[in-house]
């Protein structure tokens, strides 16, 4: 169930991040970006002292969106 939850949350996070950053890519790209963004955001959140594993759905979504936005931003730099 955790894997399907990650894909669903990643898809939503990727979609939101692509709209915030005005990035026009396919749905699959947004899902992948959201999943990787969730991993990156979770890593950063843990380093800052937050524990995303014990947070609720909204906080995990915000962390994933933040990570995906960061990835889109870094992708534009290169």
PDB file of N, CA and C in Angstrom:
ATOM      1  N   UNK A   1       0.819  -1.192   0.000  1.00  0.00           N
ATOM      2  CA  UNK A   1       0.000   0.000   0.000  1.00  0.00           C
ATOM      3  C   UNK A   1       0.867   1.262   0.000  1.00  0.00           C
ATOM      4  N   UNK A   2       2.029   1.207   0.623  1.00  0.00           N
ATOM      5  CA  UNK A   2       2.901   2.361   0.683  1.00  0.00           C
ATOM      6  C   UNK A   2       3.407   2.774  -0.690  1.00  0.00           C
ATOM      7  N   UNK A   3       3.647   1.792  -1.561  1.00  0.00           N
ATOM      8  CA  UNK A   3       4.142   2.079  -2.905  1.00  0.00           C
ATOM      9  C   UNK A   3       3.080   2.809  -3.716  1.00  0.00           C
ATOM     10  N   UNK A   4       1.837   2.349  -3.658  1.00  0.00           N
ATOM     11  CA  UNK A   4       0.747   3.009  -4.374  1.00  0.00           C
ATOM     12  C   UNK A   4       0.482   4.404  -3.802  1.00  0.00           C
ATOM     13  N   UNK A   5       0.596   4.523  -2.503  1.00  0.00           N
ATOM     14  CA  UNK A   5       0.444   5.821  -1.838  1.00  0.00           C
ATOM     15  C   UNK A   5       1.520   6.785  -2.336  1.00  0.00           C
ATOM     16  N   UNK A   6       2.754   6.314  -2.462  1.00  0.00           N
ATOM     17  CA  UNK A   6       3.853   7.159  -2.938  1.00  0.00           C
ATOM     18  C   UNK A   6       3.631   7.596  -4.377  1.00  0.00           C
ATOM     19  N   UNK A   7       3.147   6.703  -5.216  1.00  0.00           N
ATOM     20  CA  UNK A   7       2.898   7.050  -6.618  1.00  0.00           C
ATOM     21  C   UNK A   7       1.770   8.082  -6.716  1.00  0.00           C
ATOM     22  N   UNK A   8       0.700   7.861  -5.981  1.00  0.00           N
ATOM     23  CA  UNK A   8      -0.425   8.804  -6.004  1.00  0.00           C
ATOM     24  C   UNK A   8      -0.003  10.168  -5.466  1.00  0.00           C
ATOM     25  N   UNK A   9       0.659  10.172  -4.326  1.00  0.00           N
ATOM     26  CA  UNK A   9       1.121  11.429  -3.744  1.00  0.00           C
ATOM     27  C   UNK A   9       2.157  12.100  -4.646  1.00  0.00           C
ATOM     28  N   UNK A  10       3.033  11.313  -5.253  1.00  0.00           N
ATOM     29  CA  UNK A  10       4.026  11.852  -6.176  1.00  0.00           C
ATOM     30  C   UNK A  10       3.393  12.463  -7.410  1.00  0.00           C
ATOM     31  N   UNK A  11       2.361  11.819  -7.930  1.00  0.00           N
ATOM     32  CA  UNK A  11       1.657  12.365  -9.091  1.00  0.00           C
ATOM     33  C   UNK A  11       1.003  13.691  -8.782  1.00  0.00           C
ATOM     34  N   UNK A  12       0.368  13.768  -7.631  1.00  0.00           N
ATOM     35  CA  UNK A  12      -0.276  15.017  -7.223  1.00  0.00           C
ATOM     36  C   UNK A  12       0.768  16.099  -6.987  1.00  0.00           C
ATOM     37  N   UNK A  13       1.854  15.741  -6.307  1.00  0.00           N
ATOM     38  CA  UNK A  13       2.916  16.715  -6.027  1.00  0.00           C
ATOM     39  C   UNK A  13       3.574  17.189  -7.324  1.00  0.00           C
ATOM     40  N   UNK A  14       3.820  16.282  -8.249  1.00  0.00           N
ATOM     41  CA  UNK A  14       4.409  16.662  -9.533  1.00  0.00           C
ATOM     42  C   UNK A  14       3.500  17.577 -10.327  1.00  0.00           C
ATOM     43  N   UNK A  15       2.200  17.302 -10.297  1.00  0.00           N
ATOM     44  CA  UNK A  15       1.242  18.156 -10.994  1.00  0.00           C
ATOM     45  C   UNK A  15       1.227  19.565 -10.394  1.00  0.00           C
ATOM     46  N   UNK A  16       1.164  19.629  -9.061  1.00  0.00           N
ATOM     47  CA  UNK A  16       1.138  20.936  -8.398  1.00  0.00           C
ATOM     48  C   UNK A  16       2.427  21.702  -8.674  1.00  0.00           C
ATOM     49  N   UNK A  17       3.559  21.017  -8.582  1.00  0.00           N
ATOM     50  CA  UNK A  17       4.847  21.679  -8.824  1.00  0.00           C
ATOM     51  C   UNK A  17       4.959  22.158 -10.264  1.00  0.00           C
ATOM     52  N   UNK A  18       4.463  21.366 -11.222  1.00  0.00           N
ATOM     53  CA  UNK A  18       4.539  21.793 -12.621  1.00  0.00           C
ATOM     54  C   UNK A  18       3.659  23.012 -12.877  1.00  0.00           C
ATOM     55  N   UNK A  19       2.547  23.124 -12.167  1.00  0.00           N
ATOM     56  CA  UNK A  19       1.678  24.301 -12.306  1.00  0.00           C
ATOM     57  C   UNK A  19       2.303  25.521 -11.633  1.00  0.00           C
ATOM     58  N   UNK A  20       2.925  25.320 -10.484  1.00  0.00           N
ATOM     59  CA  UNK A  20       3.567  26.437  -9.788  1.00  0.00           C
ATOM     60  C   UNK A  20       4.745  26.992 -10.576  1.00  0.00           C
ATOM     61  N   UNK A  21       5.499  26.104 -11.202  1.00  0.00           N
ATOM     62  CA  UNK A  21       6.701  26.509 -11.932  1.00  0.00           C
ATOM     63  C   UNK A  21       6.439  26.696 -13.424  1.00  0.00           C
ATOM     64  N   UNK A  22       5.191  26.549 -13.851  1.00  0.00           N
ATOM     65  CA  UNK A  22       4.788  26.676 -15.259  1.00  0.00           C
ATOM     66  C   UNK A  22       5.645  25.804 -16.172  1.00  0.00           C
ATOM     67  N   UNK A  23       5.747  24.543 -15.786  1.00  0.00           N
ATOM     68  CA  UNK A  23       6.501  23.554 -16.547  1.00  0.00           C
ATOM     69  C   UNK A  23       5.495  22.662 -17.280  1.00  0.00           C
ATOM     70  N   UNK A  24       5.698  22.458 -18.549  1.00  0.00           N
ATOM     71  CA  UNK A  24       4.741  21.697 -19.357  1.00  0.00           C
ATOM     72  C   UNK A  24       5.383  20.388 -19.798  1.00  0.00           C
ATOM     73  N   UNK A  25       5.122  19.338 -19.036  1.00  0.00           N
ATOM     74  CA  UNK A  25       5.644  18.017 -19.338  1.00  0.00           C
ATOM     75  C   UNK A  25       4.504  17.010 -19.266  1.00  0.00           C
ATOM     76  N   UNK A  26       4.809  15.759 -19.581  1.00  0.00           N
ATOM     77  CA  UNK A  26       3.793  14.716 -19.583  1.00  0.00           C
ATOM     78  C   UNK A  26       3.419  14.312 -18.154  1.00  0.00           C
ATOM     79  N   UNK A  27       2.332  13.586 -18.026  1.00  0.00           N
ATOM     80  CA  UNK A  27       1.866  13.132 -16.718  1.00  0.00           C
ATOM     81  C   UNK A  27       2.877  12.176 -16.090  1.00  0.00           C
ATOM     82  N   UNK A  28       3.471  11.299 -16.888  1.00  0.00           N
ATOM     83  CA  UNK A  28       4.468  10.372 -16.366  1.00  0.00           C
ATOM     84  C   UNK A  28       5.677  11.126 -15.819  1.00  0.00           C
ATOM     85  N   UNK A  29       6.113  12.150 -16.528  1.00  0.00           N
ATOM     86  CA  UNK A  29       7.229  12.976 -16.061  1.00  0.00           C
ATOM     87  C   UNK A  29       6.870  13.643 -14.737  1.00  0.00           C
ATOM     88  N   UNK A  30       5.644  14.145 -14.616  1.00  0.00           N
ATOM     89  CA  UNK A  30       5.213  14.785 -13.373  1.00  0.00           C
ATOM     90  C   UNK A  30       5.189  13.800 -12.215  1.00  0.00           C
ATOM     91  N   UNK A  31       4.753  12.562 -12.456  1.00  0.00           N
ATOM     92  CA  UNK A  31       4.725  11.546 -11.411  1.00  0.00           C
ATOM     93  C   UNK A  31       6.143  11.224 -10.954  1.00  0.00           C
ATOM     94  N   UNK A  32       7.031  11.007 -11.910  1.00  0.00           N
ATOM     95  CA  UNK A  32       8.423  10.699 -11.571  1.00  0.00           C
ATOM     96  C   UNK A  32       9.056  11.864 -10.827  1.00  0.00           C
ATOM     97  N   UNK A  33       8.815  13.066 -11.309  1.00  0.00           N
ATOM     98  CA  UNK A  33       9.349  14.258 -10.659  1.00  0.00           C
ATOM     99  C   UNK A  33       8.803  14.397  -9.242  1.00  0.00           C
ATOM    100  N   UNK A  34       7.532  14.114  -9.053  1.00  0.00           N
ATOM    101  CA  UNK A  34       6.927  14.193  -7.721  1.00  0.00           C
ATOM    102  C   UNK A  34       7.478  13.157  -6.763  1.00  0.00           C
ATOM    103  N   UNK A  35       7.704  11.928  -7.252  1.00  0.00           N
ATOM    104  CA  UNK A  35       8.261  10.879  -6.403  1.00  0.00           C
ATOM    105  C   UNK A  35       9.687  11.224  -5.996  1.00  0.00           C
ATOM    106  N   UNK A  36      10.503  11.633  -6.962  1.00  0.00           N
ATOM    107  CA  UNK A  36      11.881  12.011  -6.650  1.00  0.00           C
ATOM    108  C   UNK A  36      11.890  13.262  -5.777  1.00  0.00           C
ATOM    109  N   UNK A  37      10.985  14.185  -6.063  1.00  0.00           N
ATOM    110  CA  UNK A  37      10.870  15.387  -5.236  1.00  0.00           C
ATOM    111  C   UNK A  37      10.481  15.061  -3.806  1.00  0.00           C
ATOM    112  N   UNK A  38       9.631  14.061  -3.635  1.00  0.00           N
ATOM    113  CA  UNK A  38       9.266  13.622  -2.293  1.00  0.00           C
ATOM    114  C   UNK A  38      10.453  13.042  -1.545  1.00  0.00           C
ATOM    115  N   UNK A  39      11.281  12.294  -2.254  1.00  0.00           N
ATOM    116  CA  UNK A  39      12.486  11.745  -1.633  1.00  0.00           C
ATOM    117  C   UNK A  39      13.464  12.854  -1.253  1.00  0.00           C
ATOM    118  N   UNK A  40      13.663  13.787  -2.169  1.00  0.00           N
ATOM    119  CA  UNK A  40      14.574  14.907  -1.907  1.00  0.00           C
ATOM    120  C   UNK A  40      14.023  15.774  -0.770  1.00  0.00           C
ATOM    121  N   UNK A  41      12.742  16.102  -0.842  1.00  0.00           N
ATOM    122  CA  UNK A  41      12.120  16.906   0.205  1.00  0.00           C
ATOM    123  C   UNK A  41      12.147  16.213   1.563  1.00  0.00           C
ATOM    124  N   UNK A  42      11.916  14.900   1.574  1.00  0.00           N
ATOM    125  CA  UNK A  42      11.980  14.135   2.818  1.00  0.00           C
ATOM    126  C   UNK A  42      13.383  14.122   3.406  1.00  0.00           C
ATOM    127  N   UNK A  43      14.382  13.995   2.542  1.00  0.00           N
ATOM    128  CA  UNK A  43      15.771  14.018   2.988  1.00  0.00           C
ATOM    129  C   UNK A  43      16.106  15.374   3.616  1.00  0.00           C
ATOM    130  N   UNK A  44      15.702  16.450   2.947  1.00  0.00           N
ATOM    131  CA  UNK A  44      15.969  17.796   3.472  1.00  0.00           C
ATOM    132  C   UNK A  44      15.201  18.022   4.776  1.00  0.00           C
ATOM    133  N   UNK A  45      13.951  17.567   4.826  1.00  0.00           N
ATOM    134  CA  UNK A  45      13.142  17.743   6.038  1.00  0.00           C
ATOM    135  C   UNK A  45      13.755  17.004   7.220  1.00  0.00           C
ATOM    136  N   UNK A  46      14.275  15.799   6.994  1.00  0.00           N
ATOM    137  CA  UNK A  46      14.915  15.053   8.075  1.00  0.00           C
ATOM    138  C   UNK A  46      16.172  15.759   8.547  1.00  0.00           C
ATOM    139  N   UNK A  47      16.915  16.341   7.621  1.00  0.00           N
ATOM    140  CA  UNK A  47      18.139  17.066   7.994  1.00  0.00           C
ATOM    141  C   UNK A  47      17.832  18.325   8.791  1.00  0.00           C
ATOM    142  N   UNK A  48      16.665  18.886   8.565  1.00  0.00           N
ATOM    143  CA  UNK A  48      16.256  20.090   9.296  1.00  0.00           C
ATOM    144  C   UNK A  48      15.577  19.765  10.625  1.00  0.00           C
ATOM    145  N   UNK A  49      15.414  18.479  10.929  1.00  0.00           N
ATOM    146  CA  UNK A  49      14.844  18.080  12.207  1.00  0.00           C
ATOM    147  C   UNK A  49      13.391  17.676  12.170  1.00  0.00           C
ATOM    148  N   UNK A  50      12.753  17.719  11.009  1.00  0.00           N
ATOM    149  CA  UNK A  50      11.357  17.315  10.884  1.00  0.00           C
ATOM    150  C   UNK A  50      11.319  15.826  10.536  1.00  0.00           C
ATOM    151  N   UNK A  51      10.304  15.112  11.000  1.00  0.00           N
ATOM    152  CA  UNK A  51      10.167  13.696  10.697  1.00  0.00           C
ATOM    153  C   UNK A  51       8.950  13.480   9.804  1.00  0.00           C
ATOM    154  N   UNK A  52       9.153  13.434   8.460  1.00  0.00           N
ATOM    155  CA  UNK A  52       8.014  13.290   7.550  1.00  0.00           C
ATOM    156  C   UNK A  52       7.262  11.971   7.703  1.00  0.00           C
ATOM    157  N   UNK A  53       7.898  10.957   8.300  1.00  0.00           N
ATOM    158  CA  UNK A  53       7.228   9.667   8.451  1.00  0.00           C
ATOM    159  C   UNK A  53       6.071   9.748   9.443  1.00  0.00           C
ATOM    160  N   UNK A  54       6.147  10.649  10.392  1.00  0.00           N
ATOM    161  CA  UNK A  54       5.094  10.772  11.396  1.00  0.00           C
ATOM    162  C   UNK A  54       4.137  11.919  11.110  1.00  0.00           C
ATOM    163  N   UNK A  55       4.387  12.655  10.046  1.00  0.00           N
ATOM    164  CA  UNK A  55       3.505  13.769   9.690  1.00  0.00           C
ATOM    165  C   UNK A  55       2.308  13.261   8.904  1.00  0.00           C
ATOM    166  N   UNK A  56       1.331  14.099   8.769  1.00  0.00           N
ATOM    167  CA  UNK A  56       0.117  13.719   8.056  1.00  0.00           C
ATOM    168  C   UNK A  56       0.252  13.859   6.551  1.00  0.00           C
ATOM    169  N   UNK A  57      -0.844  13.608   5.880  1.00  0.00           N
ATOM    170  CA  UNK A  57      -0.894  13.646   4.420  1.00  0.00           C
ATOM    171  C   UNK A  57      -0.550  15.025   3.868  1.00  0.00           C
ATOM    172  N   UNK A  58      -1.085  16.060   4.460  1.00  0.00           N
ATOM    173  CA  UNK A  58      -0.855  17.415   3.958  1.00  0.00           C
ATOM    174  C   UNK A  58       0.623  17.806   4.054  1.00  0.00           C
ATOM    175  N   UNK A  59       1.258  17.497   5.187  1.00  0.00           N
ATOM    176  CA  UNK A  59       2.667  17.833   5.345  1.00  0.00           C
ATOM    177  C   UNK A  59       3.528  17.039   4.371  1.00  0.00           C
ATOM    178  N   UNK A  60       3.227  15.778   4.163  1.00  0.00           N
ATOM    179  CA  UNK A  60       3.976  14.977   3.192  1.00  0.00           C
ATOM    180  C   UNK A  60       3.783  15.510   1.779  1.00  0.00           C
ATOM    181  N   UNK A  61       2.588  15.961   1.464  1.00  0.00           N
ATOM    182  CA  UNK A  61       2.332  16.550   0.154  1.00  0.00           C
ATOM    183  C   UNK A  61       3.122  17.842  -0.017  1.00  0.00           C
ATOM    184  N   UNK A  62       3.144  18.677   1.001  1.00  0.00           N
ATOM    185  CA  UNK A  62       3.907  19.928   0.927  1.00  0.00           C
ATOM    186  C   UNK A  62       5.403  19.671   0.786  1.00  0.00           C
ATOM    187  N   UNK A  63       5.910  18.674   1.477  1.00  0.00           N
ATOM    188  CA  UNK A  63       7.323  18.321   1.369  1.00  0.00           C
ATOM    189  C   UNK A  63       7.632  17.819  -0.034  1.00  0.00           C
ATOM    190  N   UNK A  64       6.756  16.979  -0.593  1.00  0.00           N
ATOM    191  CA  UNK A  64       6.966  16.451  -1.944  1.00  0.00           C
ATOM    192  C   UNK A  64       6.878  17.561  -2.992  1.00  0.00           C
ATOM    193  N   UNK A  65       5.935  18.474  -2.829  1.00  0.00           N
ATOM    194  CA  UNK A  65       5.815  19.599  -3.763  1.00  0.00           C
ATOM    195  C   UNK A  65       7.061  20.474  -3.677  1.00  0.00           C
ATOM    196  N   UNK A  66       7.527  20.742  -2.472  1.00  0.00           N
ATOM    197  CA  UNK A  66       8.738  21.541  -2.299  1.00  0.00           C
ATOM    198  C   UNK A  66       9.944  20.896  -2.960  1.00  0.00           C
ATOM    199  N   UNK A  67      10.076  19.588  -2.807  1.00  0.00           N
ATOM    200  CA  UNK A  67      11.181  18.883  -3.459  1.00  0.00           C
ATOM    201  C   UNK A  67      11.065  18.897  -4.968  1.00  0.00           C
ATOM    202  N   UNK A  68       9.857  18.733  -5.485  1.00  0.00           N
ATOM    203  CA  UNK A  68       9.650  18.751  -6.939  1.00  0.00           C
ATOM    204  C   UNK A  68       9.907  20.148  -7.509  1.00  0.00           C
ATOM    205  N   UNK A  69       9.481  21.182  -6.791  1.00  0.00           N
ATOM    206  CA  UNK A  69       9.753  22.557  -7.233  1.00  0.00           C
ATOM    207  C   UNK A  69      11.260  22.798  -7.262  1.00  0.00           C
ATOM    208  N   UNK A  70      11.959  22.307  -6.255  1.00  0.00           N
ATOM    209  CA  UNK A  70      13.412  22.443  -6.220  1.00  0.00           C
ATOM    210  C   UNK A  70      14.056  21.739  -7.409  1.00  0.00           C
ATOM    211  N   UNK A  71      13.576  20.557  -7.753  1.00  0.00           N
ATOM    212  CA  UNK A  71      14.127  19.828  -8.898  1.00  0.00           C
ATOM    213  C   UNK A  71      13.853  20.552 -10.217  1.00  0.00           C
ATOM    214  N   UNK A  72      12.657  21.104 -10.366  1.00  0.00           N
ATOM    215  CA  UNK A  72      12.355  21.865 -11.585  1.00  0.00           C
ATOM    216  C   UNK A  72      13.266  23.086 -11.671  1.00  0.00           C
ATOM    217  N   UNK A  73      13.446  23.769 -10.553  1.00  0.00           N
ATOM    218  CA  UNK A  73      14.314  24.951 -10.512  1.00  0.00           C
ATOM    219  C   UNK A  73      15.743  24.581 -10.889  1.00  0.00           C
ATOM    220  N   UNK A  74      16.262  23.510 -10.295  1.00  0.00           N
ATOM    221  CA  UNK A  74      17.629  23.089 -10.617  1.00  0.00           C
ATOM    222  C   UNK A  74      17.754  22.634 -12.064  1.00  0.00           C
ATOM    223  N   UNK A  75      16.715  21.993 -12.587  1.00  0.00           N
ATOM    224  CA  UNK A  75      16.722  21.575 -13.989  1.00  0.00           C
ATOM    225  C   UNK A  75      16.773  22.752 -14.933  1.00  0.00           C
ATOM    226  N   UNK A  76      16.143  23.846 -14.563  1.00  0.00           N
ATOM    227  CA  UNK A  76      16.167  25.041 -15.404  1.00  0.00           C
ATOM    228  C   UNK A  76      17.528  25.724 -15.377  1.00  0.00           C
ATOM    229  N   UNK A  77      18.254  25.567 -14.281  1.00  0.00           N
ATOM    230  CA  UNK A  77      19.578  26.180 -14.197  1.00  0.00           C
ATOM    231  C   UNK A  77      20.580  25.521 -15.150  1.00  0.00           C
ATOM    232  N   UNK A  78      20.373  24.226 -15.382  1.00  0.00           N
ATOM    233  CA  UNK A  78      21.313  23.481 -16.214  1.00  0.00           C
ATOM    234  C   UNK A  78      20.707  23.249 -17.540  1.00  0.00           C
TER     235      UNK A  78
END
